[in-house]
């Protein structure tokens, strides 16, 4: 190959790489401009406690907003709120409950079903496949969320139960 052809090929390769970088940057930078953020807030309470309790160990709360529109398929997580709860956090009667806030992208084409779920890991933080242990709290029912509401924030309260219940 002649020196001229090698130079032309190098220039062409450079242009292709620059075009790919420009296309990538345009996609990354323009997409957030077209997106709409939404905020979901709520209070989490615990059902089935006759007396209020105080967490004796640092605990971990995870709340997720999921698109549950597809039948026979895993839910698609749209956003989450994760919190470390200090020793002494109160649950049950006499407590104010736990507050959460999820800020995420609002789906452009709203599906028919969205829900919020929560897990409170008492004295530990999940890692790997393990997500719940005896003594934790979780949502055992569907807590529907209407994303078509024009309110900001959208409010969805959640009730957890003791595991195993």
N, C-alpha and C. Protein backbone atom coordinates (compact mmCIF):
# COMPACT_ATOMS: atom_id res chain seq x y z
N UNK A 1 0.85 -1.17 0.00
CA UNK A 1 0.00 0.00 0.00
C UNK A 1 0.90 1.23 0.00
N UNK A 2 0.56 2.21 -0.78
CA UNK A 2 1.40 3.41 -0.89
C UNK A 2 1.23 4.28 0.34
N UNK A 3 2.16 5.17 0.52
CA UNK A 3 2.11 6.10 1.66
C UNK A 3 0.85 6.95 1.61
N UNK A 4 0.41 7.34 0.40
CA UNK A 4 -0.79 8.17 0.25
C UNK A 4 -2.03 7.39 0.70
N UNK A 5 -2.14 6.12 0.33
CA UNK A 5 -3.29 5.31 0.73
C UNK A 5 -3.31 5.10 2.24
N UNK A 6 -2.13 4.90 2.86
CA UNK A 6 -2.06 4.74 4.31
C UNK A 6 -2.52 6.00 5.01
N UNK A 7 -2.14 7.14 4.49
CA UNK A 7 -2.55 8.42 5.08
C UNK A 7 -4.06 8.61 4.92
N UNK A 8 -4.57 8.30 3.76
CA UNK A 8 -6.02 8.43 3.52
C UNK A 8 -6.81 7.50 4.44
N UNK A 9 -6.32 6.26 4.63
CA UNK A 9 -6.99 5.32 5.51
C UNK A 9 -6.96 5.80 6.96
N UNK A 10 -5.85 6.34 7.38
CA UNK A 10 -5.74 6.86 8.75
C UNK A 10 -6.70 8.02 8.97
N UNK A 11 -6.81 8.90 8.00
CA UNK A 11 -7.74 10.04 8.10
C UNK A 11 -9.18 9.54 8.12
N UNK A 12 -9.50 8.56 7.27
CA UNK A 12 -10.84 8.00 7.23
C UNK A 12 -11.19 7.34 8.57
N UNK A 13 -10.27 6.57 9.12
CA UNK A 13 -10.49 5.95 10.43
C UNK A 13 -10.70 7.00 11.51
N UNK A 14 -9.95 8.08 11.45
CA UNK A 14 -10.11 9.16 12.43
C UNK A 14 -11.50 9.79 12.31
N UNK A 15 -11.96 10.03 11.07
CA UNK A 15 -13.29 10.60 10.86
C UNK A 15 -14.39 9.66 11.38
N UNK A 16 -14.22 8.38 11.15
CA UNK A 16 -15.21 7.41 11.63
C UNK A 16 -15.27 7.42 13.16
N UNK A 17 -14.11 7.46 13.80
CA UNK A 17 -14.08 7.50 15.26
C UNK A 17 -14.69 8.79 15.79
N UNK A 18 -14.38 9.91 15.17
CA UNK A 18 -14.95 11.19 15.60
C UNK A 18 -16.47 11.20 15.43
N UNK A 19 -16.95 10.63 14.31
CA UNK A 19 -18.39 10.55 14.08
C UNK A 19 -19.06 9.69 15.15
N UNK A 20 -18.46 8.56 15.50
CA UNK A 20 -19.01 7.68 16.53
C UNK A 20 -19.06 8.39 17.88
N UNK A 21 -18.01 9.12 18.22
CA UNK A 21 -17.98 9.87 19.49
C UNK A 21 -19.05 10.95 19.47
N UNK A 22 -19.19 11.68 18.36
CA UNK A 22 -20.19 12.75 18.26
C UNK A 22 -21.60 12.18 18.38
N UNK A 23 -21.85 11.05 17.74
CA UNK A 23 -23.17 10.40 17.82
C UNK A 23 -23.47 9.97 19.25
N UNK A 24 -22.49 9.37 19.92
CA UNK A 24 -22.66 8.96 21.30
C UNK A 24 -22.95 10.17 22.20
N UNK A 25 -22.17 11.23 22.07
CA UNK A 25 -22.38 12.42 22.90
C UNK A 25 -23.74 13.06 22.64
N UNK A 26 -24.15 13.09 21.39
CA UNK A 26 -25.47 13.65 21.07
C UNK A 26 -26.58 12.85 21.73
N UNK A 27 -26.46 11.54 21.73
CA UNK A 27 -27.46 10.69 22.36
C UNK A 27 -27.49 10.90 23.86
N UNK A 28 -26.33 10.95 24.48
CA UNK A 28 -26.24 11.09 25.93
C UNK A 28 -26.68 12.47 26.39
N UNK A 29 -26.30 13.50 25.65
CA UNK A 29 -26.61 14.86 26.07
C UNK A 29 -28.02 15.31 25.73
N UNK A 30 -28.59 14.81 24.64
CA UNK A 30 -29.93 15.24 24.23
C UNK A 30 -31.01 14.47 24.97
N UNK A 31 -30.81 13.20 25.26
CA UNK A 31 -31.84 12.39 25.92
C UNK A 31 -32.33 13.01 27.22
N UNK A 32 -31.42 13.48 28.14
CA UNK A 32 -31.92 14.08 29.37
C UNK A 32 -32.77 15.33 29.13
N UNK A 33 -32.54 16.03 28.02
CA UNK A 33 -33.33 17.23 27.74
C UNK A 33 -34.78 16.88 27.44
N UNK A 34 -35.00 15.69 26.86
CA UNK A 34 -36.35 15.27 26.49
C UNK A 34 -37.05 14.53 27.62
N UNK A 35 -36.37 14.21 28.68
CA UNK A 35 -36.96 13.40 29.74
C UNK A 35 -37.71 14.28 30.74
N UNK A 36 -38.65 13.63 31.42
CA UNK A 36 -39.43 14.31 32.44
C UNK A 36 -39.19 13.60 33.76
N UNK A 37 -38.73 14.34 34.74
CA UNK A 37 -38.51 13.78 36.06
C UNK A 37 -39.83 13.75 36.81
N UNK A 38 -39.97 12.76 37.68
CA UNK A 38 -41.14 12.68 38.55
C UNK A 38 -40.66 12.37 39.96
N UNK A 39 -41.49 12.75 40.92
CA UNK A 39 -41.17 12.48 42.32
C UNK A 39 -42.32 11.72 42.95
N UNK A 40 -41.96 10.62 43.60
CA UNK A 40 -42.93 9.80 44.33
C UNK A 40 -42.53 9.81 45.79
N UNK A 41 -43.45 10.17 46.65
CA UNK A 41 -43.18 10.20 48.09
C UNK A 41 -44.27 9.43 48.82
N UNK A 42 -43.96 9.08 50.05
CA UNK A 42 -44.98 8.41 50.85
C UNK A 42 -44.47 8.07 52.22
N UNK A 43 -45.37 7.50 52.99
CA UNK A 43 -45.08 7.07 54.36
C UNK A 43 -45.21 5.56 54.41
N UNK A 44 -44.28 4.94 55.12
CA UNK A 44 -44.29 3.50 55.29
C UNK A 44 -44.66 3.19 56.73
N UNK A 45 -45.69 2.36 56.89
CA UNK A 45 -46.10 1.93 58.23
C UNK A 45 -46.03 0.41 58.30
N UNK A 46 -46.13 -0.11 59.52
CA UNK A 46 -46.06 -1.55 59.73
C UNK A 46 -47.39 -2.02 60.30
N UNK A 47 -47.93 -3.07 59.70
CA UNK A 47 -49.20 -3.65 60.14
C UNK A 47 -48.92 -4.81 61.09
N UNK A 48 -49.83 -5.04 62.01
CA UNK A 48 -49.75 -6.22 62.86
C UNK A 48 -48.95 -6.05 64.14
N UNK A 49 -48.42 -4.87 64.40
CA UNK A 49 -47.71 -4.65 65.66
C UNK A 49 -48.69 -4.10 66.68
N UNK A 50 -48.81 -4.78 67.81
CA UNK A 50 -49.70 -4.29 68.86
C UNK A 50 -49.06 -3.15 69.63
N UNK A 51 -47.74 -3.18 69.74
CA UNK A 51 -46.99 -2.13 70.42
C UNK A 51 -45.92 -1.61 69.48
N UNK A 52 -45.54 -0.35 69.68
CA UNK A 52 -44.45 0.19 68.90
C UNK A 52 -43.13 -0.45 69.28
N UNK A 53 -42.21 -0.53 68.33
CA UNK A 53 -40.89 -1.09 68.62
C UNK A 53 -39.83 -0.07 68.22
N UNK A 54 -38.65 -0.26 68.76
CA UNK A 54 -37.50 0.57 68.43
C UNK A 54 -36.41 -0.35 67.89
N UNK A 55 -35.86 -0.04 66.72
CA UNK A 55 -34.83 -0.88 66.13
C UNK A 55 -33.58 -0.83 66.99
N UNK A 56 -33.10 -2.00 67.40
CA UNK A 56 -31.94 -2.08 68.27
C UNK A 56 -30.62 -2.08 67.52
N UNK A 57 -30.68 -2.22 66.20
CA UNK A 57 -29.47 -2.24 65.39
C UNK A 57 -29.68 -1.35 64.17
N UNK A 58 -28.57 -0.88 63.58
CA UNK A 58 -28.69 -0.12 62.34
C UNK A 58 -29.34 -1.01 61.30
N UNK A 59 -30.32 -0.48 60.60
CA UNK A 59 -31.09 -1.26 59.64
C UNK A 59 -31.08 -0.58 58.28
N UNK A 60 -31.65 -1.25 57.30
CA UNK A 60 -31.58 -0.78 55.93
C UNK A 60 -32.96 -0.86 55.28
N UNK A 61 -33.42 0.25 54.70
CA UNK A 61 -34.72 0.33 54.03
C UNK A 61 -34.52 0.52 52.54
N UNK A 62 -35.23 -0.28 51.75
CA UNK A 62 -35.20 -0.13 50.30
C UNK A 62 -36.63 -0.06 49.79
N UNK A 63 -36.94 1.00 49.04
CA UNK A 63 -38.26 1.20 48.45
C UNK A 63 -38.07 1.30 46.94
N UNK A 64 -38.88 0.57 46.18
CA UNK A 64 -38.77 0.56 44.73
C UNK A 64 -40.09 0.91 44.06
N UNK A 65 -40.00 1.66 42.96
CA UNK A 65 -41.13 1.90 42.07
C UNK A 65 -40.91 1.02 40.85
N UNK A 66 -41.89 0.16 40.56
CA UNK A 66 -41.75 -0.82 39.47
C UNK A 66 -42.88 -0.71 38.46
N UNK A 67 -42.54 -0.95 37.20
CA UNK A 67 -43.52 -1.12 36.14
C UNK A 67 -43.89 -2.60 36.15
N UNK A 68 -45.10 -2.91 36.52
CA UNK A 68 -45.57 -4.30 36.61
C UNK A 68 -46.60 -4.60 35.53
N UNK A 69 -46.48 -3.91 34.40
CA UNK A 69 -47.47 -4.04 33.32
C UNK A 69 -47.41 -5.37 32.60
N UNK A 70 -46.23 -5.95 32.47
CA UNK A 70 -46.09 -7.17 31.68
C UNK A 70 -46.45 -8.40 32.49
N UNK A 71 -47.34 -9.22 31.95
CA UNK A 71 -47.72 -10.47 32.59
C UNK A 71 -46.60 -11.49 32.40
N UNK A 72 -46.40 -12.34 33.36
CA UNK A 72 -45.42 -13.43 33.29
C UNK A 72 -44.01 -12.93 32.97
N UNK A 73 -43.68 -11.74 33.47
CA UNK A 73 -42.34 -11.19 33.26
C UNK A 73 -41.93 -10.44 34.53
N UNK A 74 -40.65 -10.31 34.70
CA UNK A 74 -40.15 -9.57 35.86
C UNK A 74 -40.54 -8.10 35.75
N UNK A 75 -40.78 -7.49 36.90
CA UNK A 75 -41.08 -6.06 36.93
C UNK A 75 -39.84 -5.28 36.51
N UNK A 76 -40.06 -4.10 35.95
CA UNK A 76 -38.98 -3.22 35.55
C UNK A 76 -38.89 -2.11 36.58
N UNK A 77 -37.74 -2.00 37.26
CA UNK A 77 -37.57 -0.98 38.28
C UNK A 77 -37.34 0.38 37.61
N UNK A 78 -38.17 1.36 38.00
CA UNK A 78 -38.04 2.72 37.47
C UNK A 78 -37.20 3.60 38.38
N UNK A 79 -37.24 3.33 39.67
CA UNK A 79 -36.48 4.14 40.62
C UNK A 79 -36.52 3.51 41.99
N UNK A 80 -35.61 3.98 42.87
CA UNK A 80 -35.58 3.41 44.22
C UNK A 80 -35.05 4.46 45.20
N UNK A 81 -35.35 4.20 46.47
CA UNK A 81 -34.83 5.00 47.58
C UNK A 81 -34.25 4.00 48.57
N UNK A 82 -32.98 4.17 48.91
CA UNK A 82 -32.32 3.32 49.88
C UNK A 82 -31.86 4.17 51.04
N UNK A 83 -32.16 3.71 52.26
CA UNK A 83 -31.82 4.48 53.47
C UNK A 83 -31.23 3.56 54.53
N UNK A 84 -30.19 4.06 55.19
CA UNK A 84 -29.71 3.41 56.42
C UNK A 84 -30.47 4.04 57.56
N UNK A 85 -31.08 3.21 58.40
CA UNK A 85 -31.87 3.70 59.53
C UNK A 85 -31.06 3.53 60.81
N UNK A 86 -30.93 4.58 61.59
CA UNK A 86 -30.11 4.50 62.81
C UNK A 86 -30.78 3.67 63.91
N UNK A 87 -29.95 3.24 64.85
CA UNK A 87 -30.45 2.55 66.04
C UNK A 87 -31.47 3.47 66.70
N UNK A 88 -32.57 2.91 67.17
CA UNK A 88 -33.60 3.70 67.84
C UNK A 88 -34.74 4.13 66.95
N UNK A 89 -34.66 3.84 65.64
CA UNK A 89 -35.77 4.17 64.73
C UNK A 89 -37.02 3.44 65.20
N UNK A 90 -38.14 4.16 65.29
CA UNK A 90 -39.37 3.61 65.83
C UNK A 90 -40.29 3.12 64.71
N UNK A 91 -40.98 2.01 64.99
CA UNK A 91 -41.96 1.42 64.07
C UNK A 91 -43.23 1.08 64.84
N UNK A 92 -44.34 1.03 64.13
CA UNK A 92 -45.59 0.57 64.74
C UNK A 92 -46.37 1.68 65.41
N UNK A 93 -47.35 1.30 66.25
CA UNK A 93 -48.20 2.27 66.94
C UNK A 93 -47.37 3.29 67.71
N UNK A 94 -47.75 4.53 67.60
CA UNK A 94 -47.04 5.60 68.30
C UNK A 94 -45.88 6.19 67.50
N UNK A 95 -45.54 5.58 66.37
CA UNK A 95 -44.46 6.14 65.55
C UNK A 95 -45.08 6.91 64.38
N UNK A 96 -44.28 7.76 63.77
CA UNK A 96 -44.76 8.54 62.63
C UNK A 96 -44.62 7.79 61.33
N UNK A 97 -44.01 6.62 61.34
CA UNK A 97 -43.76 5.88 60.11
C UNK A 97 -42.44 6.33 59.50
N UNK A 98 -42.09 5.70 58.43
CA UNK A 98 -40.85 6.02 57.71
C UNK A 98 -41.22 6.72 56.41
N UNK A 99 -40.53 7.78 56.08
CA UNK A 99 -40.79 8.52 54.84
C UNK A 99 -39.80 8.10 53.76
N UNK A 100 -40.27 8.12 52.53
CA UNK A 100 -39.39 7.83 51.40
C UNK A 100 -39.66 8.82 50.28
N UNK A 101 -38.67 8.98 49.40
CA UNK A 101 -38.79 9.80 48.20
C UNK A 101 -38.02 9.13 47.08
N UNK A 102 -38.69 8.94 45.96
CA UNK A 102 -38.06 8.39 44.77
C UNK A 102 -38.15 9.45 43.67
N UNK A 103 -37.01 9.82 43.10
CA UNK A 103 -36.98 10.73 41.96
C UNK A 103 -36.43 9.92 40.79
N UNK A 104 -37.19 9.88 39.70
CA UNK A 104 -36.77 9.09 38.55
C UNK A 104 -37.39 9.66 37.28
N UNK A 105 -37.02 9.07 36.15
CA UNK A 105 -37.59 9.46 34.87
C UNK A 105 -39.03 8.97 34.80
N UNK A 106 -39.93 9.83 34.36
CA UNK A 106 -41.32 9.41 34.16
C UNK A 106 -41.41 8.73 32.80
N UNK A 107 -42.00 7.54 32.73
CA UNK A 107 -42.11 6.85 31.44
C UNK A 107 -42.86 7.70 30.43
N UNK A 108 -42.35 7.74 29.19
CA UNK A 108 -43.00 8.54 28.14
C UNK A 108 -44.36 7.95 27.79
N UNK A 109 -44.41 6.65 27.61
CA UNK A 109 -45.66 5.96 27.29
C UNK A 109 -46.09 5.19 28.53
N UNK A 110 -47.05 5.73 29.23
CA UNK A 110 -47.47 5.11 30.49
C UNK A 110 -48.15 3.77 30.24
N UNK A 111 -47.69 2.77 30.96
CA UNK A 111 -48.31 1.45 30.93
C UNK A 111 -49.48 1.42 31.89
N UNK A 112 -50.15 0.27 31.98
CA UNK A 112 -51.35 0.19 32.82
C UNK A 112 -51.09 -0.07 34.30
N UNK A 113 -49.88 -0.50 34.69
CA UNK A 113 -49.72 -0.92 36.08
C UNK A 113 -48.34 -0.59 36.63
N UNK A 114 -48.35 0.17 37.73
CA UNK A 114 -47.12 0.52 38.46
C UNK A 114 -47.38 0.26 39.93
N UNK A 115 -46.34 -0.16 40.65
CA UNK A 115 -46.51 -0.40 42.07
C UNK A 115 -45.24 -0.01 42.81
N UNK A 116 -45.41 0.20 44.11
CA UNK A 116 -44.29 0.51 44.99
C UNK A 116 -44.19 -0.61 46.03
N UNK A 117 -42.95 -1.02 46.32
CA UNK A 117 -42.73 -2.07 47.31
C UNK A 117 -41.58 -1.65 48.22
N UNK A 118 -41.54 -2.27 49.40
CA UNK A 118 -40.50 -1.91 50.37
C UNK A 118 -40.05 -3.13 51.15
N UNK A 119 -38.77 -3.09 51.55
CA UNK A 119 -38.19 -4.11 52.43
C UNK A 119 -37.36 -3.38 53.48
N UNK A 120 -37.57 -3.74 54.74
CA UNK A 120 -36.78 -3.21 55.84
C UNK A 120 -35.97 -4.37 56.41
N UNK A 121 -34.66 -4.32 56.20
CA UNK A 121 -33.75 -5.34 56.71
C UNK A 121 -33.27 -4.88 58.08
N UNK A 122 -33.62 -5.63 59.12
CA UNK A 122 -33.33 -5.25 60.50
C UNK A 122 -31.94 -5.76 60.90
N UNK A 123 -31.01 -4.83 61.10
CA UNK A 123 -29.67 -5.16 61.57
C UNK A 123 -28.70 -5.62 60.50
N UNK A 124 -29.05 -5.48 59.24
CA UNK A 124 -28.13 -5.90 58.17
C UNK A 124 -28.49 -5.21 56.87
N UNK A 125 -27.53 -5.19 55.94
CA UNK A 125 -27.72 -4.62 54.60
C UNK A 125 -27.55 -5.75 53.59
N UNK A 126 -28.52 -5.92 52.70
CA UNK A 126 -28.45 -7.02 51.74
C UNK A 126 -27.25 -6.90 50.80
N UNK A 127 -26.76 -8.06 50.37
CA UNK A 127 -25.74 -8.11 49.34
C UNK A 127 -25.93 -9.42 48.58
N UNK A 128 -25.61 -9.41 47.32
CA UNK A 128 -25.79 -10.62 46.51
C UNK A 128 -27.25 -10.97 46.33
N UNK A 129 -27.56 -12.24 46.39
CA UNK A 129 -28.91 -12.73 46.14
C UNK A 129 -29.83 -12.64 47.37
N UNK A 130 -29.26 -12.55 48.55
CA UNK A 130 -30.07 -12.53 49.77
C UNK A 130 -30.72 -11.15 49.92
N UNK A 131 -32.06 -11.13 50.03
CA UNK A 131 -32.76 -9.86 50.14
C UNK A 131 -33.63 -9.75 51.38
N UNK A 132 -33.91 -10.87 52.05
CA UNK A 132 -34.74 -10.82 53.25
C UNK A 132 -34.35 -11.96 54.20
N UNK A 133 -34.50 -11.69 55.50
CA UNK A 133 -34.26 -12.70 56.55
C UNK A 133 -35.42 -12.66 57.54
N UNK A 134 -35.55 -13.74 58.32
CA UNK A 134 -36.55 -13.75 59.39
C UNK A 134 -36.31 -12.55 60.29
N UNK A 135 -37.40 -11.88 60.66
CA UNK A 135 -37.31 -10.71 61.52
C UNK A 135 -37.35 -9.40 60.75
N UNK A 136 -37.24 -9.45 59.41
CA UNK A 136 -37.34 -8.25 58.59
C UNK A 136 -38.80 -7.89 58.35
N UNK A 137 -39.02 -6.80 57.63
CA UNK A 137 -40.37 -6.35 57.26
C UNK A 137 -40.40 -6.15 55.75
N UNK A 138 -41.58 -6.41 55.14
CA UNK A 138 -41.69 -6.26 53.69
C UNK A 138 -43.14 -6.04 53.29
N UNK A 139 -43.36 -5.63 52.04
CA UNK A 139 -44.72 -5.49 51.52
C UNK A 139 -45.13 -6.84 50.95
N UNK A 140 -46.28 -7.32 51.39
CA UNK A 140 -46.75 -8.61 50.90
C UNK A 140 -47.98 -8.46 50.01
N UNK A 141 -48.36 -7.24 49.71
CA UNK A 141 -49.46 -6.97 48.80
C UNK A 141 -49.02 -5.90 47.80
N UNK A 142 -49.77 -5.77 46.73
CA UNK A 142 -49.47 -4.77 45.70
C UNK A 142 -49.95 -3.40 46.18
N UNK A 143 -49.09 -2.42 46.06
CA UNK A 143 -49.45 -1.03 46.38
C UNK A 143 -49.40 -0.25 45.06
N UNK A 144 -50.57 -0.15 44.40
CA UNK A 144 -50.66 0.49 43.09
C UNK A 144 -50.32 1.97 43.17
N UNK A 145 -49.72 2.46 42.08
CA UNK A 145 -49.38 3.88 41.96
C UNK A 145 -49.91 4.36 40.62
N UNK A 146 -50.63 5.48 40.63
CA UNK A 146 -51.17 6.07 39.41
C UNK A 146 -50.21 7.16 38.93
N UNK A 147 -49.42 6.83 37.91
CA UNK A 147 -48.44 7.80 37.39
C UNK A 147 -49.07 8.83 36.47
N UNK A 148 -50.34 8.67 36.14
CA UNK A 148 -51.00 9.66 35.28
C UNK A 148 -51.43 10.90 36.06
N UNK A 149 -51.30 10.84 37.40
CA UNK A 149 -51.65 12.01 38.22
C UNK A 149 -50.76 13.19 37.83
N UNK A 150 -51.35 14.39 37.87
CA UNK A 150 -50.59 15.59 37.57
C UNK A 150 -49.95 16.18 38.81
N UNK A 151 -50.18 15.59 39.96
CA UNK A 151 -49.63 16.15 41.19
C UNK A 151 -48.12 15.94 41.26
N UNK A 152 -47.46 16.86 41.91
CA UNK A 152 -46.01 16.75 42.13
C UNK A 152 -45.73 17.12 43.56
N UNK A 153 -45.38 16.20 44.39
CA UNK A 153 -45.08 14.81 44.07
C UNK A 153 -46.33 13.94 44.05
N UNK A 154 -46.18 12.75 43.47
CA UNK A 154 -47.21 11.72 43.56
C UNK A 154 -47.03 11.06 44.92
N UNK A 155 -48.12 10.83 45.64
CA UNK A 155 -48.04 10.27 46.99
C UNK A 155 -48.58 8.85 46.99
N UNK A 156 -47.80 7.94 47.54
CA UNK A 156 -48.22 6.53 47.65
C UNK A 156 -47.70 5.98 48.98
N UNK A 157 -48.61 5.76 49.91
CA UNK A 157 -48.23 5.18 51.20
C UNK A 157 -48.14 3.67 51.09
N UNK A 158 -47.31 3.08 51.94
CA UNK A 158 -47.00 1.66 51.88
C UNK A 158 -47.17 1.04 53.26
N UNK A 159 -47.72 -0.18 53.33
CA UNK A 159 -47.85 -0.92 54.57
C UNK A 159 -47.01 -2.18 54.47
N UNK A 160 -46.14 -2.39 55.47
CA UNK A 160 -45.30 -3.59 55.51
C UNK A 160 -45.81 -4.53 56.60
N UNK A 161 -45.41 -5.79 56.50
CA UNK A 161 -45.71 -6.79 57.52
C UNK A 161 -44.41 -7.44 57.96
N UNK A 162 -44.47 -8.13 59.09
CA UNK A 162 -43.29 -8.82 59.65
C UNK A 162 -43.04 -10.10 58.86
N UNK A 163 -41.77 -10.43 58.61
CA UNK A 163 -41.41 -11.65 57.91
C UNK A 163 -40.73 -12.60 58.90
N UNK A 164 -41.11 -13.83 59.07
CA UNK A 164 -42.33 -14.36 58.48
C UNK A 164 -43.54 -13.85 59.25
N UNK A 165 -44.59 -13.62 58.54
CA UNK A 165 -45.77 -13.05 59.16
C UNK A 165 -46.59 -14.08 59.88
